[in-house]
Amino acid sequence: MSSRPRAAWPLVTVFTAGYLASYLLPTIVGRLSVYLGLSPAQGGLVGSALLLSSACAGVCLAGRVETYGPRRPARIGLTLAALGYGCAALAGSVPLVVMGVVVGGFGSGTATAVAAAGIAAQRDPHRTSSLGLLSVSATAGVLYLTIPHLGGGHRLPFASIALVALLVWPATSRLGGAVPAGPAVPAAGRLPHRRSGLVLAGGMLIWSMAQNALWGVSSRIGIVQVGLSEVSIGAVFAAALGAGLLGVMGAGLLGARLGRAVPIGLGTVIIAAMIVLSSSASGLRSFATGEIVWNTFYPVVLSYLIGLAASLDVRGRWAVLAGSASSVGVACGPVLGSVLSEASGYPVMGLILGAVTLLVAVPVTAVALHTGGRPLVPGSVRRRGGAPAALLAVTTGAVPGAVPRLGAPEQAVTELSLPELRRRRLVRSAFRTAAPAGADGQSNAYASTSDR
């Protein structure tokens, strides 16, 4: 068995613990409203405080994970998550719950930042991010099936997140040697692809805000507009997250064969349509269809967005910053959904969110087209007048790793200038073929006319 899956699983578990709170947001907001007497808008504010604290942690750690090492901040984040959510579960007053939520959210954001930086350093960031989303979707699906049957008021969702953080904590011992080192990069410097990174971060903020505006009030739509019980809504959410598992698995199998622009653009269009369908549902069938199809494509698009951000900087700075921007959008989502639904109703809210989702798909897809490259498939890379390079390597016994694998993104070509040689007349005899290093220890790759 390859060592790469073993190297990735600690990151996947830490990612699961950090991301779980946002997946459980509907039941958190719903139970705060029911058991602590908060209005939907007030419950959305508590959820926003949790996610905003998580986003602040990501911004603070952007570019600093490699300085501290992944193990220490991951352990600090998981400890804060366990303590904060544990205190929120034990508290009976709103101020103490909010305090615990803020501390726990900061811990979740710290764990997510560590995982994002590690995912960016992986050889295949999209595959690792898909595994992380697969894990968190499965964990949240199990909790959605069990929490409605156990009662416990607002305490049980917070206790579940704290318990997952404690269970993941031992895996941090493998973080020190599990994250593969990327290519040598300077310790400090400008962020690469700054314009594309800023557009992507802003797009992910708005995209996540629209998604979680609906996700934060989905339980209220099911109860108030459709007339479902909490058990039925939990079953719908569990089925939706189960469909999300299939979507993430499909995205992992698809990989980079279609590039990133097609899954991001087409997936976002489908998501926008399902937002409208789910928010305007009047029966179980339309509500379940909207939620299930929406949650099937949501993690697919998110995995490609995370992989796109990770590909912009091997140090993981854009992955952390874009993830933090997404967390800010997630944080504002519940408040936005609550305000829009109370002001104009759920169907109009869905139309607004669907339109915003379609608009933001344009710049994000453009970034994927600009920076993602074309997929490397047979025929995309050819020698002049010859066979595809990848296939040629297979048939001629080329050294492994000398050419990209099928389906890998095409590598950018950098043009090198030769100012010294430009001032001379270049002739074919000025160069000769490469040869092994000579006695002086230098390679005879080429020789100019001055060497002759």
Protein backbone atom coordinates (compact mmCIF):
# COMPACT_ATOMS: atom_id res chain seq x y z
CA MET A 1 0.00 0.00 0.00
CA SER A 2 1.22 3.46 -0.80
CA SER A 3 2.31 5.73 2.00
CA ARG A 4 0.36 8.68 0.64
CA PRO A 5 -3.04 7.61 2.03
CA ARG A 6 -1.40 7.02 5.42
CA ALA A 7 0.15 10.49 5.22
CA ALA A 8 -3.21 12.08 4.42
CA TRP A 9 -5.46 10.50 7.03
CA PRO A 10 -4.38 12.72 9.99
CA LEU A 11 -5.21 15.79 7.88
CA VAL A 12 -8.56 14.26 6.96
CA THR A 13 -9.48 13.67 10.61
CA VAL A 14 -8.42 17.17 11.69
CA PHE A 15 -10.37 18.62 8.76
CA THR A 16 -13.43 16.64 9.88
CA ALA A 17 -13.25 17.97 13.44
CA GLY A 18 -12.79 21.55 12.24
CA TYR A 19 -15.53 21.50 9.61
CA LEU A 20 -18.18 19.58 11.55
CA ALA A 21 -19.71 22.61 13.27
CA SER A 22 -20.71 24.24 9.97
CA TYR A 23 -22.34 20.99 8.80
CA LEU A 24 -24.41 20.81 12.00
CA LEU A 25 -25.45 24.46 11.75
CA PRO A 26 -29.17 23.85 10.98
CA THR A 27 -29.74 21.68 14.04
CA ILE A 28 -27.68 24.05 16.22
CA VAL A 29 -29.71 27.09 15.16
CA GLY A 30 -32.99 25.19 15.37
CA ARG A 31 -32.35 23.82 18.85
CA LEU A 32 -31.16 27.17 20.19
CA SER A 33 -34.43 28.67 18.99
CA VAL A 34 -36.58 25.90 20.50
CA TYR A 35 -34.84 25.16 23.79
CA LEU A 36 -33.36 28.55 24.74
CA GLY A 37 -36.25 30.69 23.51
CA LEU A 38 -34.27 32.54 20.84
CA SER A 39 -35.88 33.88 17.69
CA PRO A 40 -34.66 32.50 14.34
CA ALA A 41 -32.64 35.67 13.78
CA GLN A 42 -31.06 35.43 17.25
CA GLY A 43 -30.25 31.77 16.72
CA GLY A 44 -28.68 32.71 13.39
CA LEU A 45 -26.57 35.33 15.16
CA VAL A 46 -25.20 32.69 17.54
CA GLY A 47 -24.35 30.46 14.57
CA SER A 48 -22.71 33.41 12.86
CA ALA A 49 -20.64 34.15 15.97
CA LEU A 50 -19.37 30.56 15.90
CA LEU A 51 -18.36 30.69 12.25
CA LEU A 52 -16.97 34.23 12.39
CA SER A 53 -14.68 33.17 15.24
CA SER A 54 -13.60 30.23 13.10
CA ALA A 55 -12.81 32.57 10.20
CA CYS A 56 -10.73 34.83 12.46
CA ALA A 57 -8.60 31.87 13.48
CA GLY A 58 -7.96 31.05 9.83
CA VAL A 59 -6.91 34.62 9.01
CA CYS A 60 -4.54 34.71 12.00
CA LEU A 61 -2.86 31.44 10.98
CA ALA A 62 -2.57 32.11 7.24
CA GLY A 63 1.06 31.48 6.25
CA ARG A 64 2.10 30.70 9.84
CA VAL A 65 1.30 27.00 10.09
CA GLU A 66 4.68 25.99 8.67
CA THR A 67 6.39 28.31 11.16
CA TYR A 68 4.77 26.70 14.19
CA GLY A 69 4.53 23.23 12.70
CA PRO A 70 1.16 21.52 12.18
CA ARG A 71 1.09 19.47 15.38
CA ARG A 72 1.04 22.24 17.99
CA PRO A 73 -1.69 24.48 16.46
CA ALA A 74 -3.79 21.41 15.64
CA ARG A 75 -3.68 20.28 19.27
CA ILE A 76 -4.43 23.78 20.52
CA GLY A 77 -7.37 24.08 18.12
CA LEU A 78 -8.86 20.71 19.04
CA THR A 79 -8.45 21.47 22.75
CA LEU A 80 -10.22 24.83 22.36
CA ALA A 81 -12.98 23.16 20.35
CA ALA A 82 -13.51 20.48 23.00
CA LEU A 83 -13.51 23.03 25.85
CA GLY A 84 -15.64 25.64 24.09
CA TYR A 85 -18.34 23.34 22.75
CA GLY A 86 -18.26 21.33 25.97
CA CYS A 87 -18.96 24.47 27.99
CA ALA A 88 -21.73 25.48 25.57
CA ALA A 89 -23.28 22.04 26.05
CA LEU A 90 -23.18 22.32 29.85
CA ALA A 91 -24.31 25.97 30.05
CA GLY A 92 -27.94 26.85 30.53
CA SER A 93 -27.82 30.61 29.92
CA VAL A 94 -27.46 32.35 26.58
CA PRO A 95 -24.33 34.43 27.46
CA LEU A 96 -22.40 31.33 28.55
CA VAL A 97 -23.51 29.43 25.45
CA VAL A 98 -22.35 32.29 23.23
CA MET A 99 -18.99 32.42 25.05
CA GLY A 100 -18.48 28.70 24.62
CA VAL A 101 -19.52 28.92 20.97
CA VAL A 102 -16.95 31.66 20.26
CA VAL A 103 -14.12 29.70 21.93
CA GLY A 104 -15.14 26.49 20.20
CA GLY A 105 -15.42 28.25 16.85
CA PHE A 106 -11.88 29.60 17.19
CA GLY A 107 -10.68 26.07 17.89
CA SER A 108 -12.54 24.74 14.84
CA GLY A 109 -11.01 27.43 12.64
CA THR A 110 -7.52 26.64 13.94
CA ALA A 111 -7.93 22.95 13.15
CA THR A 112 -9.33 23.75 9.70
CA ALA A 113 -6.42 26.11 8.95
CA VAL A 114 -3.89 23.41 9.84
CA ALA A 115 -5.69 20.89 7.65
CA ALA A 116 -5.95 23.37 4.74
CA ALA A 117 -2.24 24.14 4.85
CA GLY A 118 -1.43 20.42 4.92
CA ILE A 119 -3.81 19.69 2.05
CA ALA A 120 -2.12 22.38 -0.07
CA ALA A 121 1.24 20.62 0.45
CA GLN A 122 -0.11 17.28 -0.77
CA ARG A 123 0.77 16.08 -4.26
CA ASP A 124 -2.95 15.83 -5.05
CA PRO A 125 -4.81 18.52 -3.03
CA HIS A 126 -8.15 17.76 -4.67
CA ARG A 127 -8.01 14.10 -3.67
CA THR A 128 -7.22 14.93 -0.04
CA SER A 129 -9.88 17.64 0.18
CA SER A 130 -12.40 15.17 -1.28
CA LEU A 131 -11.49 12.65 1.42
CA GLY A 132 -11.96 15.34 4.07
CA LEU A 133 -15.40 16.31 2.77
CA LEU A 134 -16.29 12.63 2.51
CA SER A 135 -15.38 12.12 6.16
CA VAL A 136 -17.19 15.17 7.50
CA SER A 137 -20.30 14.39 5.43
CA ALA A 138 -20.41 10.84 6.78
CA THR A 139 -19.94 12.03 10.38
CA ALA A 140 -22.64 14.70 10.07
CA GLY A 141 -25.00 12.23 8.40
CA VAL A 142 -24.68 9.80 11.31
CA LEU A 143 -25.32 12.61 13.79
CA TYR A 144 -28.40 13.79 11.88
CA LEU A 145 -29.80 10.27 12.11
CA THR A 146 -29.14 9.91 15.85
CA ILE A 147 -29.55 13.37 17.42
CA PRO A 148 -33.33 13.73 16.80
CA HIS A 149 -33.96 10.42 18.62
CA LEU A 150 -31.86 11.30 21.68
CA GLY A 151 -33.32 14.66 22.70
CA GLY A 152 -30.96 16.61 24.93
CA GLY A 153 -32.03 20.09 23.89
CA HIS A 154 -29.25 22.35 22.66
CA ARG A 155 -26.64 20.32 24.55
CA LEU A 156 -26.37 17.29 22.29
CA PRO A 157 -25.09 18.97 19.07
CA PHE A 158 -22.39 20.86 20.98
CA ALA A 159 -21.43 17.76 22.95
CA SER A 160 -21.13 15.78 19.70
CA ILE A 161 -18.70 18.29 18.19
CA ALA A 162 -16.64 18.35 21.40
CA LEU A 163 -16.51 14.55 21.45
CA VAL A 164 -15.31 14.39 17.83
CA ALA A 165 -12.55 16.90 18.67
CA LEU A 166 -11.40 14.71 21.57
CA LEU A 167 -11.45 11.58 19.41
CA VAL A 168 -9.37 13.26 16.71
CA TRP A 169 -6.77 14.68 19.13
CA PRO A 170 -4.55 11.52 19.20
CA ALA A 171 -4.18 11.68 15.41
CA THR A 172 -2.20 14.92 15.75
CA SER A 173 0.83 12.86 16.83
CA ARG A 174 1.17 11.83 13.18
CA LEU A 175 1.11 15.35 11.79
CA GLY A 176 4.81 16.01 12.27
CA GLY A 177 5.97 13.49 9.71
CA ALA A 178 2.76 13.02 7.73
CA VAL A 179 2.64 16.26 5.76
CA PRO A 180 4.96 15.88 2.77
CA ALA A 181 7.31 18.75 2.16
CA GLY A 182 6.64 20.73 -0.97
CA PRO A 183 9.17 22.34 -3.29
CA ALA A 184 11.59 24.71 -1.68
CA VAL A 185 10.04 28.13 -1.33
CA PRO A 186 11.28 31.25 0.38
CA ALA A 187 10.25 31.72 3.98
CA ALA A 188 8.56 34.98 3.10
CA GLY A 189 7.45 36.75 -0.03
CA ARG A 190 4.49 37.95 -2.01
CA LEU A 191 1.53 35.73 -2.53
CA PRO A 192 1.54 34.23 -6.01
CA HIS A 193 -1.47 34.77 -8.29
CA ARG A 194 -2.67 37.68 -6.16
CA ARG A 195 -5.43 38.85 -8.50
CA SER A 196 -6.79 35.36 -9.06
CA GLY A 197 -6.52 34.57 -5.35
CA LEU A 198 -8.44 37.70 -4.34
CA VAL A 199 -11.18 37.03 -6.89
CA LEU A 200 -11.42 33.42 -5.71
CA ALA A 201 -11.51 34.39 -2.03
CA GLY A 202 -14.22 36.99 -2.65
CA GLY A 203 -16.19 34.57 -4.78
CA MET A 204 -15.98 31.85 -2.13
CA LEU A 205 -17.18 34.33 0.50
CA ILE A 206 -20.33 35.19 -1.47
CA TRP A 207 -20.83 31.60 -2.66
CA SER A 208 -20.64 30.24 0.89
CA MET A 209 -22.90 33.02 2.19
CA ALA A 210 -25.62 32.08 -0.29
CA GLN A 211 -25.32 28.36 0.46
CA ASN A 212 -25.45 28.73 4.22
CA ALA A 213 -28.19 31.34 4.12
CA LEU A 214 -30.42 28.50 2.96
CA TRP A 215 -28.70 25.79 5.03
CA GLY A 216 -29.15 27.81 8.21
CA VAL A 217 -32.93 28.05 7.76
CA SER A 218 -33.54 24.68 6.05
CA SER A 219 -34.91 23.14 9.23
CA ARG A 220 -37.30 26.09 9.64
CA ILE A 221 -38.49 25.63 6.05
CA GLY A 222 -39.19 21.98 6.75
CA ILE A 223 -41.06 22.69 9.98
CA VAL A 224 -42.94 25.89 9.14
CA GLN A 225 -43.53 25.74 5.38
CA VAL A 226 -43.59 21.99 4.68
CA GLY A 227 -44.95 20.85 8.07
CA LEU A 228 -42.40 18.10 8.84
CA SER A 229 -41.33 16.83 12.24
CA GLU A 230 -37.75 17.06 13.52
CA VAL A 231 -37.30 13.32 12.96
CA SER A 232 -38.43 13.61 9.33
CA ILE A 233 -36.19 16.62 8.73
CA GLY A 234 -33.26 14.73 10.26
CA ALA A 235 -33.91 11.84 7.90
CA VAL A 236 -33.99 14.21 4.90
CA PHE A 237 -30.73 15.84 5.98
CA ALA A 238 -29.10 12.45 6.53
CA ALA A 239 -30.18 11.33 3.05
CA ALA A 240 -28.90 14.60 1.61
CA LEU A 241 -25.51 14.17 3.28
CA GLY A 242 -25.45 10.56 2.13
CA ALA A 243 -25.97 11.79 -1.43
CA GLY A 244 -23.15 14.26 -0.74
CA LEU A 245 -20.92 11.28 0.03
CA LEU A 246 -21.65 9.87 -3.41
CA GLY A 247 -20.96 13.26 -4.96
CA VAL A 248 -17.59 13.58 -3.23
CA MET A 249 -16.65 10.04 -4.23
CA GLY A 250 -17.55 10.85 -7.82
CA ALA A 251 -15.46 14.03 -7.67
CA GLY A 252 -12.53 12.05 -6.31
CA LEU A 253 -12.79 9.53 -9.15
CA LEU A 254 -13.20 12.27 -11.75
CA GLY A 255 -10.19 14.17 -10.48
CA ALA A 256 -8.73 16.66 -12.95
CA ARG A 257 -9.94 14.92 -16.11
CA LEU A 258 -12.32 17.78 -16.90
CA GLY A 259 -10.22 20.45 -15.25
CA ARG A 260 -11.78 22.59 -12.52
CA ALA A 261 -13.85 25.07 -14.52
CA VAL A 262 -16.48 22.60 -15.76
CA PRO A 263 -17.31 21.05 -12.33
CA ILE A 264 -17.33 24.48 -10.64
CA GLY A 265 -19.43 26.24 -13.29
CA LEU A 266 -21.93 23.47 -14.07
CA GLY A 267 -22.20 22.41 -10.43
CA THR A 268 -22.97 25.96 -9.31
CA VAL A 269 -25.75 26.30 -11.90
CA ILE A 270 -27.38 23.10 -10.59
CA ILE A 271 -26.97 24.31 -7.00
CA ALA A 272 -28.71 27.60 -7.80
CA ALA A 273 -31.69 25.74 -9.28
CA MET A 274 -31.96 23.48 -6.22
CA ILE A 275 -31.83 26.47 -3.87
CA VAL A 276 -34.90 27.85 -5.58
CA LEU A 277 -36.66 24.47 -5.50
CA SER A 278 -35.93 23.76 -1.83
CA SER A 279 -36.93 27.23 -0.59
CA SER A 280 -40.23 27.17 -2.49
CA ALA A 281 -41.13 23.57 -1.52
CA SER A 282 -44.63 22.92 -0.20
CA GLY A 283 -44.40 19.15 0.21
CA LEU A 284 -41.99 16.45 1.29
CA ARG A 285 -41.11 15.36 -2.24
CA SER A 286 -40.01 18.77 -3.53
CA PHE A 287 -38.26 19.64 -0.25
CA ALA A 288 -36.34 16.34 -0.16
CA THR A 289 -35.45 16.56 -3.86
CA GLY A 290 -34.07 20.08 -3.50
CA GLU A 291 -32.07 19.27 -0.37
CA ILE A 292 -30.68 15.97 -1.68
CA VAL A 293 -29.63 17.22 -5.14
CA TRP A 294 -28.27 20.43 -3.62
CA ASN A 295 -26.17 18.56 -1.08
CA THR A 296 -24.97 16.17 -3.78
CA PHE A 297 -23.31 18.97 -5.77
CA TYR A 298 -22.39 21.31 -2.91
CA PRO A 299 -19.40 19.26 -1.62
CA VAL A 300 -18.34 18.48 -5.20
CA VAL A 301 -18.01 22.17 -6.09
CA LEU A 302 -16.48 22.92 -2.68
CA SER A 303 -13.82 20.25 -3.15
CA TYR A 304 -12.79 21.77 -6.48
CA LEU A 305 -12.76 25.27 -4.97
CA ILE A 306 -10.52 24.08 -2.13
CA GLY A 307 -8.26 22.31 -4.60
CA LEU A 308 -8.13 25.43 -6.79
CA ALA A 309 -7.13 27.61 -3.82
CA ALA A 310 -4.50 25.07 -2.77
CA SER A 311 -3.01 25.03 -6.27
CA LEU A 312 -2.36 28.78 -6.16
CA ASP A 313 0.31 28.51 -3.45
CA VAL A 314 2.18 25.41 -2.31
CA ARG A 315 2.65 26.93 1.16
CA GLY A 316 -1.11 26.86 1.64
CA ARG A 317 -1.57 30.58 2.21
CA TRP A 318 -4.29 30.97 -0.41
CA ALA A 319 -5.94 27.77 0.81
CA VAL A 320 -6.16 29.18 4.34
CA LEU A 321 -7.18 32.69 3.24
CA ALA A 322 -9.82 31.44 0.81
CA GLY A 323 -11.06 29.01 3.44
CA SER A 324 -11.27 31.84 5.96
CA ALA A 325 -13.18 33.99 3.46
CA SER A 326 -15.53 31.06 2.95
CA SER A 327 -15.96 30.83 6.74
CA VAL A 328 -16.88 34.52 6.87
CA GLY A 329 -19.53 33.84 4.23
CA VAL A 330 -20.73 30.83 6.18
CA ALA A 331 -20.88 33.01 9.30
CA CYS A 332 -23.00 35.65 7.61
CA GLY A 333 -25.23 33.07 5.95
CA PRO A 334 -27.57 32.22 8.84
CA VAL A 335 -28.22 35.89 9.61
CA LEU A 336 -28.80 36.67 5.94
CA GLY A 337 -31.18 33.74 5.55
CA SER A 338 -33.10 34.64 8.69
CA VAL A 339 -33.44 38.31 7.72
CA LEU A 340 -34.47 37.57 4.12
CA SER A 341 -36.96 34.89 5.13
CA GLU A 342 -38.59 37.07 7.79
CA ALA A 343 -38.74 40.08 5.45
CA SER A 344 -39.90 38.45 2.21
CA GLY A 345 -40.66 34.78 2.88
CA TYR A 346 -38.80 31.63 1.96
CA PRO A 347 -39.63 31.49 -1.80
CA VAL A 348 -38.42 35.05 -2.47
CA MET A 349 -35.34 34.37 -0.34
CA GLY A 350 -34.58 31.37 -2.55
CA LEU A 351 -34.89 33.42 -5.75
CA ILE A 352 -32.48 36.03 -4.39
CA LEU A 353 -29.95 33.44 -3.22
CA GLY A 354 -30.19 31.52 -6.50
CA ALA A 355 -29.53 34.66 -8.54
CA VAL A 356 -26.53 35.58 -6.36
CA THR A 357 -25.14 32.06 -6.74
CA LEU A 358 -25.39 32.25 -10.53
CA LEU A 359 -23.68 35.66 -10.61
CA VAL A 360 -20.74 34.57 -8.48
CA ALA A 361 -20.21 31.48 -10.64
CA VAL A 362 -18.87 33.67 -13.47
CA PRO A 363 -15.70 35.11 -11.84
CA VAL A 364 -14.92 31.91 -9.93
CA THR A 365 -15.14 29.83 -13.10
CA ALA A 366 -12.95 32.40 -14.85
CA VAL A 367 -10.27 31.93 -12.18
CA ALA A 368 -10.45 28.18 -12.68
CA LEU A 369 -10.00 28.65 -16.44
CA HIS A 370 -7.13 31.09 -15.98
CA THR A 371 -5.10 29.19 -13.38
CA GLY A 372 -6.29 25.60 -13.57
CA GLY A 373 -4.81 24.71 -16.95
CA ARG A 374 -6.16 22.12 -19.34
CA PRO A 375 -6.42 18.48 -18.33
CA LEU A 376 -3.59 16.32 -19.61
CA VAL A 377 -5.26 13.63 -21.66
CA PRO A 378 -4.01 11.59 -24.63
CA GLY A 379 -3.38 14.03 -27.44
CA SER A 380 -3.12 17.18 -25.34
CA VAL A 381 0.67 17.04 -25.20
CA ARG A 382 2.35 15.95 -28.42
CA ARG A 383 5.77 15.98 -29.83
CA ARG A 384 5.91 17.80 -33.10
CA GLY A 385 4.45 15.42 -35.63
CA GLY A 386 4.56 12.53 -33.17
CA ALA A 387 2.47 10.61 -30.65
CA PRO A 388 1.16 12.02 -27.37
CA ALA A 389 4.08 12.38 -24.97
CA ALA A 390 2.36 10.54 -22.12
CA LEU A 391 1.54 7.55 -24.31
CA LEU A 392 4.99 7.63 -25.88
CA ALA A 393 6.59 7.35 -22.45
CA VAL A 394 4.53 4.27 -21.67
CA THR A 395 5.61 2.46 -24.82
CA THR A 396 9.28 3.46 -24.74
CA GLY A 397 10.01 2.65 -21.12
CA ALA A 398 10.66 6.20 -19.96
CA VAL A 399 11.87 6.82 -16.45
CA PRO A 400 8.88 6.97 -14.02
CA GLY A 401 8.00 10.55 -13.16
CA ALA A 402 9.68 11.95 -16.28
CA VAL A 403 6.31 12.83 -17.79
CA PRO A 404 3.01 13.81 -16.13
CA ARG A 405 0.41 11.18 -15.43
CA LEU A 406 -2.72 11.03 -17.55
CA GLY A 407 -5.30 13.39 -16.11
CA ALA A 408 -2.74 15.60 -14.36
CA PRO A 409 -2.91 19.37 -14.95
CA GLU A 410 -0.68 20.56 -17.77
CA GLN A 411 2.46 22.24 -16.49
CA ALA A 412 3.10 25.87 -17.30
CA VAL A 413 6.04 26.68 -19.58
CA THR A 414 8.34 29.53 -18.58
CA GLU A 415 10.21 31.39 -21.27
CA LEU A 416 13.87 32.00 -20.44
CA SER A 417 15.82 34.87 -21.98
CA LEU A 418 19.50 34.58 -22.92
CA PRO A 419 20.82 38.15 -23.04
CA GLU A 420 24.43 37.11 -23.49
CA LEU A 421 23.70 34.89 -26.47
CA ARG A 422 21.38 37.42 -28.09
CA ARG A 423 24.35 39.68 -28.79
CA ARG A 424 26.04 36.92 -30.75
CA ARG A 425 25.14 35.18 -33.92
CA LEU A 426 23.69 31.80 -32.98
CA VAL A 427 24.58 28.90 -35.20
CA ARG A 428 23.62 25.28 -34.89
CA SER A 429 27.20 24.26 -34.16
CA ALA A 430 27.19 26.51 -31.10
CA PHE A 431 25.37 23.80 -29.15
CA ARG A 432 25.88 20.12 -28.66
CA THR A 433 23.80 17.44 -26.97
CA ALA A 434 23.83 16.78 -23.25
CA ALA A 435 26.34 14.34 -21.82
CA PRO A 436 27.28 13.00 -18.38
CA ALA A 437 29.26 15.26 -16.09
CA GLY A 438 32.93 15.42 -16.99
CA ALA A 439 35.96 15.19 -14.79
CA ASP A 440 35.52 18.75 -13.65
CA GLY A 441 32.12 17.80 -12.21
CA GLN A 442 30.13 20.03 -14.56
CA SER A 443 27.58 18.87 -17.06
CA ASN A 444 28.32 19.29 -20.76
CA ALA A 445 24.72 20.18 -21.54
CA TYR A 446 25.66 22.74 -24.18
CA ALA A 447 28.61 24.78 -25.31
CA SER A 448 28.58 28.20 -26.91
CA THR A 449 30.96 29.43 -29.60
CA SER A 450 33.10 31.10 -26.96
CA ASP A 451 33.82 27.71 -25.41
CA ARG A 452 35.14 26.19 -28.61
